[in-house]
Amino acid sequence: MIEIREADPTADALRPVIEAHFAHSETAGPAESNHTMDADALAGNGIRFWAMFDGDQAVGCGALKALPDGTVEVKSVHIVAQARGRGLARKMMNHLTDVARAEGAKALVLETGAAHLPDYLAARKLYERLGYSYCGPIFGYEDDPNSAFMRLALEPRN
């Protein structure tokens, strides 16, 4: 059974997931455009982190970072390779969306790899299917040809 729960990204049980995410980002694009946060950064102030478990096994993660412009940045969504193809990234993204909406965020924003970086194709396609649209650089980022910026406006649910 899949469970998502708020967690400490520095916990030993989550080390393989965080390391896999970091390794993917290091090889997927140029170093100067890598905005991946390590476990210590994900445990920092202003960031909330969730881990996804299949039974006792950590299989994924995701985080939210509140920004001063009223938006919330999606960070570090990753599903380990052996757990992919089961809709778990969509499940994590939906969880993050529900949290941000419930907390009154006006939009979710994110940075991912640009179209010429094939290792980010699946992520971009998922974000598009979830209703994200491409936008200019989000708070805290500069324009970068290796980055794609996306935004999802959040409407309160009644």
C-alpha atoms as a PDB file:
ATOM      1  CA  MET A   1       0.000   0.000   0.000  1.00  0.00           C
ATOM      2  CA  ILE A   2       1.333   3.427  -0.967  1.00  0.00           C
ATOM      3  CA  GLU A   3       1.531   6.011   1.809  1.00  0.00           C
ATOM      4  CA  ILE A   4       2.787   9.601   1.704  1.00  0.00           C
ATOM      5  CA  ARG A   5       3.908  11.156   4.950  1.00  0.00           C
ATOM      6  CA  GLU A   6       5.833  14.205   6.043  1.00  0.00           C
ATOM      7  CA  ALA A   7       9.390  13.156   6.816  1.00  0.00           C
ATOM      8  CA  ASP A   8      12.930  14.220   7.616  1.00  0.00           C
ATOM      9  CA  PRO A   9      14.937  14.137   4.360  1.00  0.00           C
ATOM     10  CA  THR A  10      18.127  13.425   6.332  1.00  0.00           C
ATOM     11  CA  ALA A  11      16.732  10.145   7.757  1.00  0.00           C
ATOM     12  CA  ASP A  12      18.779   7.058   6.887  1.00  0.00           C
ATOM     13  CA  ALA A  13      15.727   5.319   5.391  1.00  0.00           C
ATOM     14  CA  LEU A  14      15.401   8.127   2.823  1.00  0.00           C
ATOM     15  CA  ARG A  15      19.086   8.313   1.873  1.00  0.00           C
ATOM     16  CA  PRO A  16      18.716   6.038  -1.208  1.00  0.00           C
ATOM     17  CA  VAL A  17      15.824   8.124  -2.583  1.00  0.00           C
ATOM     18  CA  ILE A  18      17.610  11.457  -2.046  1.00  0.00           C
ATOM     19  CA  GLU A  19      20.869  10.094  -3.471  1.00  0.00           C
ATOM     20  CA  ALA A  20      19.070   8.707  -6.547  1.00  0.00           C
ATOM     21  CA  HIS A  21      17.392  12.067  -7.115  1.00  0.00           C
ATOM     22  CA  PHE A  22      20.672  13.943  -6.759  1.00  0.00           C
ATOM     23  CA  ALA A  23      22.502  11.481  -9.068  1.00  0.00           C
ATOM     24  CA  HIS A  24      19.815  11.850 -11.741  1.00  0.00           C
ATOM     25  CA  SER A  25      20.043  15.633 -11.647  1.00  0.00           C
ATOM     26  CA  GLU A  26      23.839  15.607 -11.823  1.00  0.00           C
ATOM     27  CA  THR A  27      23.798  13.646 -15.085  1.00  0.00           C
ATOM     28  CA  ALA A  28      20.634  15.034 -16.722  1.00  0.00           C
ATOM     29  CA  GLY A  29      21.920  18.537 -17.501  1.00  0.00           C
ATOM     30  CA  PRO A  30      24.803  20.952 -17.118  1.00  0.00           C
ATOM     31  CA  ALA A  31      26.117  21.553 -13.590  1.00  0.00           C
ATOM     32  CA  GLU A  32      25.600  25.317 -13.799  1.00  0.00           C
ATOM     33  CA  SER A  33      21.856  24.742 -14.302  1.00  0.00           C
ATOM     34  CA  ASN A  34      21.381  22.137 -11.570  1.00  0.00           C
ATOM     35  CA  HIS A  35      19.066  23.442  -8.840  1.00  0.00           C
ATOM     36  CA  THR A  36      18.669  20.150  -6.974  1.00  0.00           C
ATOM     37  CA  MET A  37      18.662  20.401  -3.193  1.00  0.00           C
ATOM     38  CA  ASP A  38      20.526  17.870  -1.085  1.00  0.00           C
ATOM     39  CA  ALA A  39      19.046  16.335   2.078  1.00  0.00           C
ATOM     40  CA  ASP A  40      20.381  19.074   4.358  1.00  0.00           C
ATOM     41  CA  ALA A  41      18.922  21.812   2.152  1.00  0.00           C
ATOM     42  CA  LEU A  42      15.582  19.975   1.990  1.00  0.00           C
ATOM     43  CA  ALA A  43      15.565  19.920   5.806  1.00  0.00           C
ATOM     44  CA  GLY A  44      16.032  23.709   5.916  1.00  0.00           C
ATOM     45  CA  ASN A  45      13.675  26.439   7.030  1.00  0.00           C
ATOM     46  CA  GLY A  46      10.697  27.128   4.791  1.00  0.00           C
ATOM     47  CA  ILE A  47      10.719  23.694   3.142  1.00  0.00           C
ATOM     48  CA  ARG A  48       8.284  20.872   3.821  1.00  0.00           C
ATOM     49  CA  PHE A  49       9.300  17.387   2.702  1.00  0.00           C
ATOM     50  CA  TRP A  50       7.242  14.246   2.132  1.00  0.00           C
ATOM     51  CA  ALA A  51       8.362  10.692   1.532  1.00  0.00           C
ATOM     52  CA  MET A  52       6.395   8.031  -0.302  1.00  0.00           C
ATOM     53  CA  PHE A  53       6.465   4.500   1.018  1.00  0.00           C
ATOM     54  CA  ASP A  54       5.372   1.189  -0.454  1.00  0.00           C
ATOM     55  CA  GLY A  55       5.024  -0.772   2.760  1.00  0.00           C
ATOM     56  CA  ASP A  56       8.280  -0.158   4.612  1.00  0.00           C
ATOM     57  CA  GLN A  57      10.248   0.752   1.466  1.00  0.00           C
ATOM     58  CA  ALA A  58      10.832   4.417   0.593  1.00  0.00           C
ATOM     59  CA  VAL A  59      10.070   4.789  -3.122  1.00  0.00           C
ATOM     60  CA  GLY A  60       9.767   8.533  -3.676  1.00  0.00           C
ATOM     61  CA  CYS A  61       9.763  12.053  -2.355  1.00  0.00           C
ATOM     62  CA  GLY A  62       8.590  15.590  -2.952  1.00  0.00           C
ATOM     63  CA  ALA A  63       8.838  18.962  -1.243  1.00  0.00           C
ATOM     64  CA  LEU A  64       7.261  22.393  -1.144  1.00  0.00           C
ATOM     65  CA  LYS A  65       9.083  25.684  -0.653  1.00  0.00           C
ATOM     66  CA  ALA A  66       7.001  28.764   0.196  1.00  0.00           C
ATOM     67  CA  LEU A  67       8.055  31.825  -1.826  1.00  0.00           C
ATOM     68  CA  PRO A  68       7.594  35.466  -0.810  1.00  0.00           C
ATOM     69  CA  ASP A  69       5.403  36.209  -3.840  1.00  0.00           C
ATOM     70  CA  GLY A  70       2.588  33.969  -2.525  1.00  0.00           C
ATOM     71  CA  THR A  71       3.463  31.012  -4.720  1.00  0.00           C
ATOM     72  CA  VAL A  72       4.859  27.680  -3.587  1.00  0.00           C
ATOM     73  CA  GLU A  73       7.690  25.956  -5.429  1.00  0.00           C
ATOM     74  CA  VAL A  74       7.565  22.212  -6.058  1.00  0.00           C
ATOM     75  CA  LYS A  75      10.972  20.725  -5.272  1.00  0.00           C
ATOM     76  CA  SER A  76      12.639  17.331  -5.511  1.00  0.00           C
ATOM     77  CA  VAL A  77       9.831  15.157  -6.827  1.00  0.00           C
ATOM     78  CA  HIS A  78      11.478  11.813  -7.492  1.00  0.00           C
ATOM     79  CA  ILE A  79      10.381   8.201  -7.779  1.00  0.00           C
ATOM     80  CA  VAL A  80      13.077   5.519  -7.612  1.00  0.00           C
ATOM     81  CA  ALA A  81      13.628   3.675 -10.890  1.00  0.00           C
ATOM     82  CA  GLN A  82      12.265   0.318  -9.711  1.00  0.00           C
ATOM     83  CA  ALA A  83       8.943   1.911  -8.670  1.00  0.00           C
ATOM     84  CA  ARG A  84       8.274   3.913 -11.849  1.00  0.00           C
ATOM     85  CA  GLY A  85       5.395   3.260 -14.217  1.00  0.00           C
ATOM     86  CA  ARG A  86       2.795   2.990 -11.455  1.00  0.00           C
ATOM     87  CA  GLY A  87       1.539   6.583 -11.406  1.00  0.00           C
ATOM     88  CA  LEU A  88       3.447   7.408  -8.221  1.00  0.00           C
ATOM     89  CA  ALA A  89       4.849  10.725  -9.474  1.00  0.00           C
ATOM     90  CA  ARG A  90       1.301  11.836 -10.304  1.00  0.00           C
ATOM     91  CA  LYS A  91       0.186  10.722  -6.829  1.00  0.00           C
ATOM     92  CA  MET A  92       2.973  12.770  -5.206  1.00  0.00           C
ATOM     93  CA  MET A  93       2.209  15.820  -7.362  1.00  0.00           C
ATOM     94  CA  ASN A  94      -1.493  15.581  -6.476  1.00  0.00           C
ATOM     95  CA  HIS A  95      -0.579  15.387  -2.793  1.00  0.00           C
ATOM     96  CA  LEU A  96       1.627  18.483  -3.050  1.00  0.00           C
ATOM     97  CA  THR A  97      -1.135  20.317  -4.921  1.00  0.00           C
ATOM     98  CA  ASP A  98      -3.713  19.437  -2.265  1.00  0.00           C
ATOM     99  CA  VAL A  99      -1.406  20.662   0.529  1.00  0.00           C
ATOM    100  CA  ALA A 100      -0.598  23.938  -1.237  1.00  0.00           C
ATOM    101  CA  ARG A 101      -4.246  24.591  -2.075  1.00  0.00           C
ATOM    102  CA  ALA A 102      -5.367  23.857   1.491  1.00  0.00           C
ATOM    103  CA  GLU A 103      -2.753  26.279   2.805  1.00  0.00           C
ATOM    104  CA  GLY A 104      -3.973  29.062   0.511  1.00  0.00           C
ATOM    105  CA  ALA A 105      -1.164  29.242  -2.049  1.00  0.00           C
ATOM    106  CA  LYS A 106      -2.160  31.185  -5.156  1.00  0.00           C
ATOM    107  CA  ALA A 107      -0.070  28.978  -7.459  1.00  0.00           C
ATOM    108  CA  LEU A 108       2.410  26.146  -7.609  1.00  0.00           C
ATOM    109  CA  VAL A 109       5.556  26.856  -9.609  1.00  0.00           C
ATOM    110  CA  LEU A 110       8.530  24.746 -10.580  1.00  0.00           C
ATOM    111  CA  GLU A 111      11.779  24.617 -12.490  1.00  0.00           C
ATOM    112  CA  THR A 112      12.703  21.552 -14.523  1.00  0.00           C
ATOM    113  CA  GLY A 113      14.986  20.731 -17.427  1.00  0.00           C
ATOM    114  CA  ALA A 114      14.347  22.392 -20.782  1.00  0.00           C
ATOM    115  CA  ALA A 115      13.073  20.578 -23.875  1.00  0.00           C
ATOM    116  CA  HIS A 116      16.567  19.804 -25.211  1.00  0.00           C
ATOM    117  CA  LEU A 117      17.350  17.763 -22.057  1.00  0.00           C
ATOM    118  CA  PRO A 118      15.716  14.364 -22.717  1.00  0.00           C
ATOM    119  CA  ASP A 119      16.020  13.087 -19.145  1.00  0.00           C
ATOM    120  CA  TYR A 120      13.336  15.608 -18.123  1.00  0.00           C
ATOM    121  CA  LEU A 121      10.811  14.713 -20.851  1.00  0.00           C
ATOM    122  CA  ALA A 122       8.660  12.455 -18.638  1.00  0.00           C
ATOM    123  CA  ALA A 123       8.528  15.110 -15.906  1.00  0.00           C
ATOM    124  CA  ARG A 124       7.543  17.878 -18.328  1.00  0.00           C
ATOM    125  CA  LYS A 125       4.827  15.688 -19.858  1.00  0.00           C
ATOM    126  CA  LEU A 126       3.431  14.866 -16.411  1.00  0.00           C
ATOM    127  CA  TYR A 127       3.352  18.547 -15.417  1.00  0.00           C
ATOM    128  CA  GLU A 128       1.609  19.428 -18.694  1.00  0.00           C
ATOM    129  CA  ARG A 129      -1.026  16.702 -18.098  1.00  0.00           C
ATOM    130  CA  LEU A 130      -1.567  18.072 -14.587  1.00  0.00           C
ATOM    131  CA  GLY A 131      -2.395  21.498 -16.030  1.00  0.00           C
ATOM    132  CA  TYR A 132       0.878  23.344 -15.571  1.00  0.00           C
ATOM    133  CA  SER A 133       1.716  25.925 -18.215  1.00  0.00           C
ATOM    134  CA  TYR A 134       5.103  27.262 -19.222  1.00  0.00           C
ATOM    135  CA  CYS A 135       6.044  30.663 -17.847  1.00  0.00           C
ATOM    136  CA  GLY A 136       9.032  32.932 -17.368  1.00  0.00           C
ATOM    137  CA  PRO A 137      11.556  32.451 -14.575  1.00  0.00           C
ATOM    138  CA  ILE A 138       9.991  31.973 -11.160  1.00  0.00           C
ATOM    139  CA  PHE A 139      10.989  33.756  -7.958  1.00  0.00           C
ATOM    140  CA  GLY A 140      14.670  33.175  -7.156  1.00  0.00           C
ATOM    141  CA  TYR A 141      15.732  32.047 -10.639  1.00  0.00           C
ATOM    142  CA  GLU A 142      17.294  33.735 -13.648  1.00  0.00           C
ATOM    143  CA  ASP A 143      16.427  32.968 -17.258  1.00  0.00           C
ATOM    144  CA  ASP A 144      18.401  29.849 -18.236  1.00  0.00           C
ATOM    145  CA  PRO A 145      18.313  28.048 -21.588  1.00  0.00           C
ATOM    146  CA  ASN A 146      18.589  24.731 -19.736  1.00  0.00           C
ATOM    147  CA  SER A 147      15.546  25.392 -17.538  1.00  0.00           C
ATOM    148  CA  ALA A 148      11.827  25.219 -18.164  1.00  0.00           C
ATOM    149  CA  PHE A 149       9.614  27.110 -15.710  1.00  0.00           C
ATOM    150  CA  MET A 150       6.015  26.093 -15.141  1.00  0.00           C
ATOM    151  CA  ARG A 151       3.038  27.353 -13.145  1.00  0.00           C
ATOM    152  CA  LEU A 152      -0.287  25.958 -11.969  1.00  0.00           C
ATOM    153  CA  ALA A 153      -2.843  28.469 -10.698  1.00  0.00           C
ATOM    154  CA  LEU A 154      -4.657  27.160  -7.624  1.00  0.00           C
ATOM    155  CA  GLU A 155      -8.324  27.827  -7.102  1.00  0.00           C
ATOM    156  CA  PRO A 156      -9.757  27.056  -3.685  1.00  0.00           C
ATOM    157  CA  ARG A 157     -11.932  23.939  -3.592  1.00  0.00           C
ATOM    158  CA  ASN A 158     -15.370  24.286  -2.042  1.00  0.00           C
END
